[in-house]
């Protein structure tokens, strides 16, 4: 518009001029490849849509993409859809956060966790724009979304877990088995429902897929992080699986069918051809916990329980992370260190009772 060329600046570290010139040539090539989009006409809508296509091509999880699209269509586009990304400033974003938090122009205010989720979608899109050379800086990096208050992790007690297992088995043997698998493996709900008999070898369970739902679309995908893992179960767990296998064969014979070759370990169909709906599983557990008057417990609590029990028993963080499917052991410790410390304090109190002098009798 002004007739003046736009300048771009990048600082690189180089040992000598040869390396610096090589970095310059590489950057010039990058700019040439993206020159069609560097005219600053891209809007937030066009950027986010392009980022979603790029993310899908890179293999992002269907549920992640579905949630990002929903965030864009319902929250981001109504506010910034037609705004040029070159005109977007941190001040615009901070004002947006304020309106979301107060409910201005909306049916209700949003919680900080929801606001940060929408912020993450927009920030990731703008970050991609920087990598593509559409922007020099990401304005979302300088904005200030609301802080998240620290919430204490509530881990169910052994008694609460036992009560849940018992009530689940009473309600339906399928729920009892899925709950038992959750305790034995610490797996996520989608991973539990996706287990097939071909994933079980002796005392080992291979967790390699997960069920998902993205809108009306349902299917199977790789585990979170795309990593397969093996979980070893104790003899009692192996005996439980063998007994359940026999029960599945019995149910199939009673229905005059046979288990399909890749039958699901837990299935509402006698031939094991279809899995349990993970959302139905969560809903059932929610109702069971309400009946037991333990509303602070939910299905994911069993994953927390398995993690804290392992760490409290002295399992090192690396092995615990491998069982849980965490790529980084530090993530395991950051999530569960506090809860584990509580368990250790309880154990310390039990041990300290031995120091109390006997009462006179």
Protein backbone atom coordinates (compact mmCIF):
# COMPACT_ATOMS: atom_id res chain seq x y z
CA UNK A 1 0.00 0.00 0.00
CA UNK A 2 2.85 2.41 0.78
CA UNK A 3 5.13 1.31 -2.03
CA UNK A 4 7.90 0.51 0.44
CA UNK A 5 9.26 -3.03 0.59
CA UNK A 6 8.53 -4.97 3.75
CA UNK A 7 11.61 -6.03 5.65
CA UNK A 8 12.12 -9.34 7.44
CA UNK A 9 14.78 -9.97 10.03
CA UNK A 10 16.15 -13.19 11.44
CA UNK A 11 19.10 -13.73 13.75
CA UNK A 12 21.16 -16.89 13.34
CA UNK A 13 24.25 -18.27 15.01
CA UNK A 14 27.09 -19.13 12.65
CA UNK A 15 30.77 -19.93 13.14
CA UNK A 16 31.82 -18.04 10.03
CA UNK A 17 30.53 -16.14 7.00
CA UNK A 18 30.16 -19.34 4.98
CA UNK A 19 27.65 -20.73 7.49
CA UNK A 20 25.90 -17.38 7.69
CA UNK A 21 25.51 -17.17 3.89
CA UNK A 22 24.20 -20.76 3.83
CA UNK A 23 21.60 -19.84 6.44
CA UNK A 24 20.65 -16.78 4.39
CA UNK A 25 20.20 -18.86 1.22
CA UNK A 26 18.06 -21.39 3.11
CA UNK A 27 15.87 -18.61 4.47
CA UNK A 28 15.53 -16.99 1.06
CA UNK A 29 14.41 -20.34 -0.36
CA UNK A 30 11.87 -20.67 2.46
CA UNK A 31 10.49 -17.21 1.74
CA UNK A 32 10.28 -17.93 -1.98
CA UNK A 33 8.30 -21.10 -1.32
CA UNK A 34 5.83 -19.18 0.81
CA UNK A 35 5.77 -15.95 -1.20
CA UNK A 36 2.20 -16.51 -2.35
CA UNK A 37 1.01 -16.14 1.25
CA UNK A 38 3.23 -13.29 2.40
CA UNK A 39 1.01 -10.51 1.12
CA UNK A 40 -0.59 -10.23 4.58
CA UNK A 41 -4.08 -10.82 3.18
CA UNK A 42 -4.58 -14.12 5.02
CA UNK A 43 -7.39 -13.94 7.55
CA UNK A 44 -7.67 -15.82 10.80
CA UNK A 45 -10.30 -18.04 9.19
CA UNK A 46 -8.13 -18.95 6.20
CA UNK A 47 -5.12 -19.53 8.42
CA UNK A 48 -6.91 -21.83 10.88
CA UNK A 49 -8.50 -23.81 8.08
CA UNK A 50 -5.11 -24.23 6.40
CA UNK A 51 -3.54 -25.22 9.72
CA UNK A 52 -6.24 -27.85 10.27
CA UNK A 53 -5.59 -29.34 6.83
CA UNK A 54 -1.86 -29.33 7.54
CA UNK A 55 -2.41 -30.98 10.94
CA UNK A 56 -4.62 -33.66 9.44
CA UNK A 57 -1.98 -34.42 6.82
CA UNK A 58 0.57 -34.82 9.61
CA UNK A 59 -1.61 -37.46 11.27
CA UNK A 60 -3.09 -35.58 14.21
CA UNK A 61 -5.73 -37.56 16.12
CA UNK A 62 -9.28 -37.28 14.72
CA UNK A 63 -10.69 -36.25 18.11
CA UNK A 64 -8.06 -33.52 18.45
CA UNK A 65 -8.90 -32.18 15.01
CA UNK A 66 -12.63 -32.35 15.68
CA UNK A 67 -12.29 -30.39 18.93
CA UNK A 68 -10.06 -27.80 17.22
CA UNK A 69 -12.58 -27.33 14.40
CA UNK A 70 -15.40 -26.93 16.88
CA UNK A 71 -13.38 -24.36 18.82
CA UNK A 72 -12.68 -22.44 15.64
CA UNK A 73 -16.23 -22.46 14.33
CA UNK A 74 -17.99 -21.64 17.59
CA UNK A 75 -15.57 -19.28 19.35
CA UNK A 76 -12.63 -18.12 17.23
CA UNK A 77 -14.28 -17.33 13.88
CA UNK A 78 -17.18 -15.31 15.33
CA UNK A 79 -14.61 -12.98 16.91
CA UNK A 80 -11.67 -12.97 14.49
CA UNK A 81 -12.72 -14.88 11.37
CA UNK A 82 -12.44 -11.95 8.95
CA UNK A 83 -9.52 -10.23 10.71
CA UNK A 84 -6.23 -10.23 8.83
CA UNK A 85 -3.59 -12.12 10.77
CA UNK A 86 -1.20 -9.23 10.13
CA UNK A 87 -3.57 -6.94 12.04
CA UNK A 88 -4.04 -9.22 15.05
CA UNK A 89 -2.33 -7.93 18.20
CA UNK A 90 -1.83 -9.25 21.74
CA UNK A 91 -4.23 -6.54 22.91
CA UNK A 92 -6.98 -7.99 20.69
CA UNK A 93 -6.43 -11.40 22.25
CA UNK A 94 -6.37 -10.13 25.83
CA UNK A 95 -9.65 -8.32 25.24
CA UNK A 96 -11.08 -11.53 23.77
CA UNK A 97 -10.07 -13.48 26.87
CA UNK A 98 -11.81 -10.88 29.03
CA UNK A 99 -15.05 -11.15 27.09
CA UNK A 100 -14.97 -14.93 27.22
CA UNK A 101 -14.36 -14.87 30.97
CA UNK A 102 -17.17 -12.40 31.68
CA UNK A 103 -19.62 -13.88 29.20
CA UNK A 104 -19.93 -10.60 27.29
CA UNK A 105 -21.85 -11.28 24.08
CA UNK A 106 -22.30 -14.94 25.01
CA UNK A 107 -24.86 -17.08 26.81
CA UNK A 108 -22.50 -17.67 29.71
CA UNK A 109 -18.92 -17.03 30.80
CA UNK A 110 -16.25 -19.62 30.12
CA UNK A 111 -13.93 -21.20 32.65
CA UNK A 112 -10.17 -20.59 32.39
CA UNK A 113 -9.60 -24.15 31.16
CA UNK A 114 -11.99 -23.59 28.24
CA UNK A 115 -10.48 -20.21 27.40
CA UNK A 116 -6.99 -21.66 27.34
CA UNK A 117 -8.20 -24.47 25.07
CA UNK A 118 -9.43 -21.94 22.51
CA UNK A 119 -6.24 -19.94 22.98
CA UNK A 120 -4.19 -23.05 22.22
CA UNK A 121 -5.92 -23.56 18.86
CA UNK A 122 -5.39 -19.97 17.78
CA UNK A 123 -1.83 -19.88 19.11
CA UNK A 124 -0.90 -23.08 17.27
CA UNK A 125 -2.33 -21.68 14.04
CA UNK A 126 -0.44 -18.41 14.41
CA UNK A 127 2.72 -20.32 15.27
CA UNK A 128 2.37 -22.23 12.03
CA UNK A 129 1.94 -18.92 10.20
CA UNK A 130 5.33 -17.84 11.58
CA UNK A 131 6.93 -21.09 10.41
CA UNK A 132 5.42 -20.59 6.97
CA UNK A 133 6.71 -17.04 6.81
CA UNK A 134 3.24 -15.46 6.88
CA UNK A 135 4.04 -13.60 10.11
CA UNK A 136 7.20 -12.42 11.78
CA UNK A 137 5.93 -13.00 15.32
CA UNK A 138 3.14 -14.88 16.99
CA UNK A 139 0.91 -12.36 18.83
CA UNK A 140 -0.53 -15.14 20.99
CA UNK A 141 2.88 -15.65 22.61
CA UNK A 142 2.70 -12.13 24.03
CA UNK A 143 -0.96 -12.34 25.07
CA UNK A 144 -1.99 -13.36 28.60
CA UNK A 145 -4.70 -16.01 28.76
CA UNK A 146 -6.15 -16.65 32.24
CA UNK A 147 -4.04 -18.61 34.67
CA UNK A 148 -5.17 -22.03 35.75
CA UNK A 149 -5.61 -22.53 39.45
CA UNK A 150 -3.82 -25.53 40.87
CA UNK A 151 -6.21 -28.35 41.61
CA UNK A 152 -5.26 -31.13 43.95
CA UNK A 153 -5.41 -34.58 42.41
CA UNK A 154 -7.99 -36.70 44.23
CA UNK A 155 -6.90 -40.32 44.12
CA UNK A 156 -9.43 -42.92 45.29
CA UNK A 157 -8.57 -45.10 48.24
CA UNK A 158 -8.18 -48.86 48.01
CA UNK A 159 -11.54 -49.26 49.74
CA UNK A 160 -13.26 -46.97 47.24
CA UNK A 161 -11.76 -48.83 44.27
CA UNK A 162 -12.79 -52.19 45.74
CA UNK A 163 -16.32 -50.91 46.30
CA UNK A 164 -16.48 -49.69 42.69
CA UNK A 165 -15.21 -53.00 41.34
CA UNK A 166 -17.78 -54.90 43.37
CA UNK A 167 -20.68 -52.67 42.38
CA UNK A 168 -19.66 -52.76 38.72
CA UNK A 169 -19.53 -56.57 38.67
CA UNK A 170 -22.96 -56.70 40.32
CA UNK A 171 -24.41 -54.37 37.71
CA UNK A 172 -22.99 -56.19 34.71
CA UNK A 173 -20.10 -58.60 34.30
CA UNK A 174 -18.77 -56.55 31.37
CA UNK A 175 -18.44 -53.44 33.52
CA UNK A 176 -16.77 -55.45 36.26
CA UNK A 177 -14.20 -56.80 33.79
CA UNK A 178 -13.47 -53.40 32.24
CA UNK A 179 -13.02 -51.86 35.68
CA UNK A 180 -10.66 -54.67 36.66
CA UNK A 181 -8.63 -54.11 33.49
CA UNK A 182 -8.47 -50.40 34.29
CA UNK A 183 -6.93 -51.17 37.68
CA UNK A 184 -4.56 -53.82 36.31
CA UNK A 185 -3.21 -51.73 33.44
CA UNK A 186 -3.80 -48.05 34.26
CA UNK A 187 -4.87 -47.69 30.62
CA UNK A 188 -7.08 -44.94 29.24
CA UNK A 189 -10.75 -45.70 28.58
CA UNK A 190 -10.38 -45.79 24.79
CA UNK A 191 -7.43 -48.16 25.13
CA UNK A 192 -9.37 -50.46 27.46
CA UNK A 193 -12.36 -50.71 25.13
CA UNK A 194 -10.07 -51.35 22.14
CA UNK A 195 -8.31 -54.39 23.65
CA UNK A 196 -8.64 -57.58 21.61
CA UNK A 197 -7.78 -61.13 22.56
CA UNK A 198 -4.95 -61.01 20.04
CA UNK A 199 -3.37 -58.33 22.25
CA UNK A 200 -3.00 -60.74 25.18
CA UNK A 201 -0.05 -63.11 25.41
CA UNK A 202 0.31 -65.11 28.62
CA UNK A 203 0.78 -62.53 31.37
CA UNK A 204 1.29 -59.58 29.04
CA UNK A 205 -1.22 -57.15 27.53
CA UNK A 206 -0.26 -55.12 24.48
CA UNK A 207 -1.82 -51.65 24.40
CA UNK A 208 -1.56 -50.47 20.83
CA UNK A 209 -4.82 -48.80 19.80
CA UNK A 210 -7.60 -46.65 21.16
CA UNK A 211 -11.24 -46.03 20.28
CA UNK A 212 -12.30 -42.48 19.57
CA UNK A 213 -15.37 -40.45 18.76
CA UNK A 214 -15.16 -37.20 16.80
CA UNK A 215 -18.67 -35.85 16.32
CA UNK A 216 -20.59 -38.58 14.54
CA UNK A 217 -17.40 -40.31 13.42
CA UNK A 218 -16.18 -43.29 15.42
CA UNK A 219 -13.20 -45.52 14.87
CA UNK A 220 -9.84 -46.78 16.06
CA UNK A 221 -6.55 -44.95 16.16
CA UNK A 222 -3.13 -45.40 17.65
CA UNK A 223 -2.62 -44.71 21.33
CA UNK A 224 -2.02 -41.20 22.61
CA UNK A 225 1.48 -40.33 21.48
CA UNK A 226 1.40 -43.16 18.93
CA UNK A 227 3.40 -45.54 21.14
CA UNK A 228 2.64 -49.21 21.70
CA UNK A 229 3.41 -50.66 25.09
CA UNK A 230 3.27 -53.95 26.97
CA UNK A 231 1.77 -54.23 30.44
CA UNK A 232 2.59 -57.26 32.57
CA UNK A 233 -0.10 -58.52 34.94
CA UNK A 234 0.37 -60.53 38.11
CA UNK A 235 -0.75 -64.18 38.33
CA UNK A 236 -4.09 -63.08 39.78
CA UNK A 237 -4.61 -60.85 36.77
CA UNK A 238 -3.71 -63.65 34.39
CA UNK A 239 -6.16 -65.97 36.15
CA UNK A 240 -8.85 -63.30 35.82
CA UNK A 241 -8.24 -63.03 32.06
CA UNK A 242 -8.32 -66.81 31.63
CA UNK A 243 -11.60 -67.04 33.52
CA UNK A 244 -13.04 -64.21 31.43
CA UNK A 245 -11.92 -65.90 28.20
CA UNK A 246 -13.76 -69.04 29.29
CA UNK A 247 -16.84 -66.97 30.09
CA UNK A 248 -16.76 -65.32 26.65
CA UNK A 249 -16.56 -68.73 24.97
CA UNK A 250 -19.48 -69.90 27.10
CA UNK A 251 -21.60 -66.88 26.12
CA UNK A 252 -20.75 -67.36 22.44
CA UNK A 253 -21.69 -71.04 22.56
CA UNK A 254 -24.97 -70.17 24.28
CA UNK A 255 -25.78 -67.80 21.40
CA UNK A 256 -24.76 -70.47 18.86
CA UNK A 257 -21.89 -68.33 17.51
CA UNK A 258 -18.11 -68.39 17.75
CA UNK A 259 -15.75 -65.62 18.72
CA UNK A 260 -14.41 -63.77 15.70
CA UNK A 261 -10.62 -64.12 15.21
CA UNK A 262 -9.91 -60.58 16.41
CA UNK A 263 -12.65 -60.45 19.06
CA UNK A 264 -12.67 -57.62 21.57
CA UNK A 265 -11.87 -58.67 25.12
CA UNK A 266 -15.03 -56.96 26.35
CA UNK A 267 -17.92 -56.73 23.91
CA UNK A 268 -21.70 -56.35 24.14
CA UNK A 269 -22.00 -58.92 21.32
CA UNK A 270 -21.58 -62.67 21.97
CA UNK A 271 -19.14 -63.07 19.08
CA UNK A 272 -16.97 -60.19 20.35
CA UNK A 273 -17.21 -58.41 17.00
CA UNK A 274 -17.91 -54.92 18.35
CA UNK A 275 -16.44 -52.99 21.27
CA UNK A 276 -18.05 -51.26 24.21
CA UNK A 277 -18.68 -47.56 23.63
CA UNK A 278 -16.10 -45.68 25.77
CA UNK A 279 -18.58 -42.89 26.50
CA UNK A 280 -21.15 -45.41 27.72
CA UNK A 281 -18.47 -46.89 29.97
CA UNK A 282 -17.71 -43.47 31.46
CA UNK A 283 -21.42 -42.80 32.00
CA UNK A 284 -21.92 -46.12 33.78
CA UNK A 285 -18.95 -45.49 36.08
CA UNK A 286 -20.31 -42.01 36.88
CA UNK A 287 -23.63 -43.53 37.94
CA UNK A 288 -21.95 -46.24 39.99
CA UNK A 289 -19.85 -43.68 41.85
CA UNK A 290 -22.96 -41.60 42.56
CA UNK A 291 -24.67 -44.67 44.02
CA UNK A 292 -21.63 -45.37 46.21
CA UNK A 293 -21.53 -41.71 47.33
CA UNK A 294 -18.01 -41.20 46.00
CA UNK A 295 -18.68 -38.37 43.49
CA UNK A 296 -15.00 -37.38 43.45
CA UNK A 297 -14.18 -40.70 41.74
CA UNK A 298 -14.58 -41.18 37.99
CA UNK A 299 -13.26 -43.58 35.38
CA UNK A 300 -9.96 -41.73 34.90
CA UNK A 301 -9.46 -41.91 38.68
CA UNK A 302 -8.54 -45.58 38.25
CA UNK A 303 -5.61 -44.48 36.09
CA UNK A 304 -4.57 -42.08 38.86
CA UNK A 305 -4.97 -44.92 41.37
CA UNK A 306 -2.77 -47.28 39.36
CA UNK A 307 -0.08 -44.61 38.96
CA UNK A 308 0.10 -43.64 42.62
CA UNK A 309 0.04 -47.24 43.79
CA UNK A 310 2.98 -48.08 41.51
CA UNK A 311 5.02 -45.08 42.61
CA UNK A 312 4.17 -45.59 46.29
CA UNK A 313 5.27 -49.22 45.99
CA UNK A 314 8.68 -48.09 44.78
CA UNK A 315 8.29 -48.62 41.03
CA UNK A 316 10.71 -46.18 39.41
CA UNK A 317 9.18 -43.35 37.36
CA UNK A 318 10.58 -44.63 34.07
CA UNK A 319 8.89 -48.02 34.36
CA UNK A 320 5.70 -46.43 35.68
CA UNK A 321 5.69 -44.05 32.71
CA UNK A 322 6.17 -46.97 30.33
CA UNK A 323 3.17 -48.79 31.80
CA UNK A 324 1.00 -45.66 31.69
CA UNK A 325 2.07 -44.68 28.19
CA UNK A 326 3.77 -41.42 29.15
CA UNK A 327 6.59 -40.50 26.79
CA UNK A 328 8.44 -38.63 29.56
CA UNK A 329 8.87 -39.96 33.12
CA UNK A 330 8.99 -36.38 34.41
CA UNK A 331 5.37 -36.02 33.32
CA UNK A 332 4.46 -39.00 35.48
CA UNK A 333 6.17 -37.48 38.49
CA UNK A 334 4.73 -34.01 37.92
CA UNK A 335 1.21 -35.44 37.81
CA UNK A 336 1.43 -37.88 40.69
CA UNK A 337 4.24 -36.82 43.00
CA UNK A 338 1.89 -34.96 45.38
CA UNK A 339 -0.57 -37.84 45.63
CA UNK A 340 2.29 -40.27 46.15
CA UNK A 341 3.67 -38.09 48.93
CA UNK A 342 0.28 -38.25 50.66
CA UNK A 343 0.40 -42.04 50.51
CA UNK A 344 3.92 -42.04 51.92
CA UNK A 345 2.83 -39.81 54.80
CA UNK A 346 0.04 -42.25 55.61
CA UNK A 347 2.53 -45.11 55.57
CA UNK A 348 4.88 -43.11 57.80
CA UNK A 349 2.10 -42.60 60.35
CA UNK A 350 1.42 -46.33 60.41
CA UNK A 351 5.10 -47.06 60.98
CA UNK A 352 5.37 -44.37 63.66
CA UNK A 353 2.75 -46.10 65.76
CA UNK A 354 5.29 -48.79 66.57
CA UNK A 355 7.25 -46.16 68.51
CA UNK A 356 4.36 -45.36 70.84
CA UNK A 357 4.89 -46.83 74.32
CA UNK A 358 2.51 -49.64 75.26
CA UNK A 359 -0.40 -48.65 77.44
CA UNK A 360 -0.42 -49.85 80.96
CA UNK A 361 -2.89 -52.62 81.47
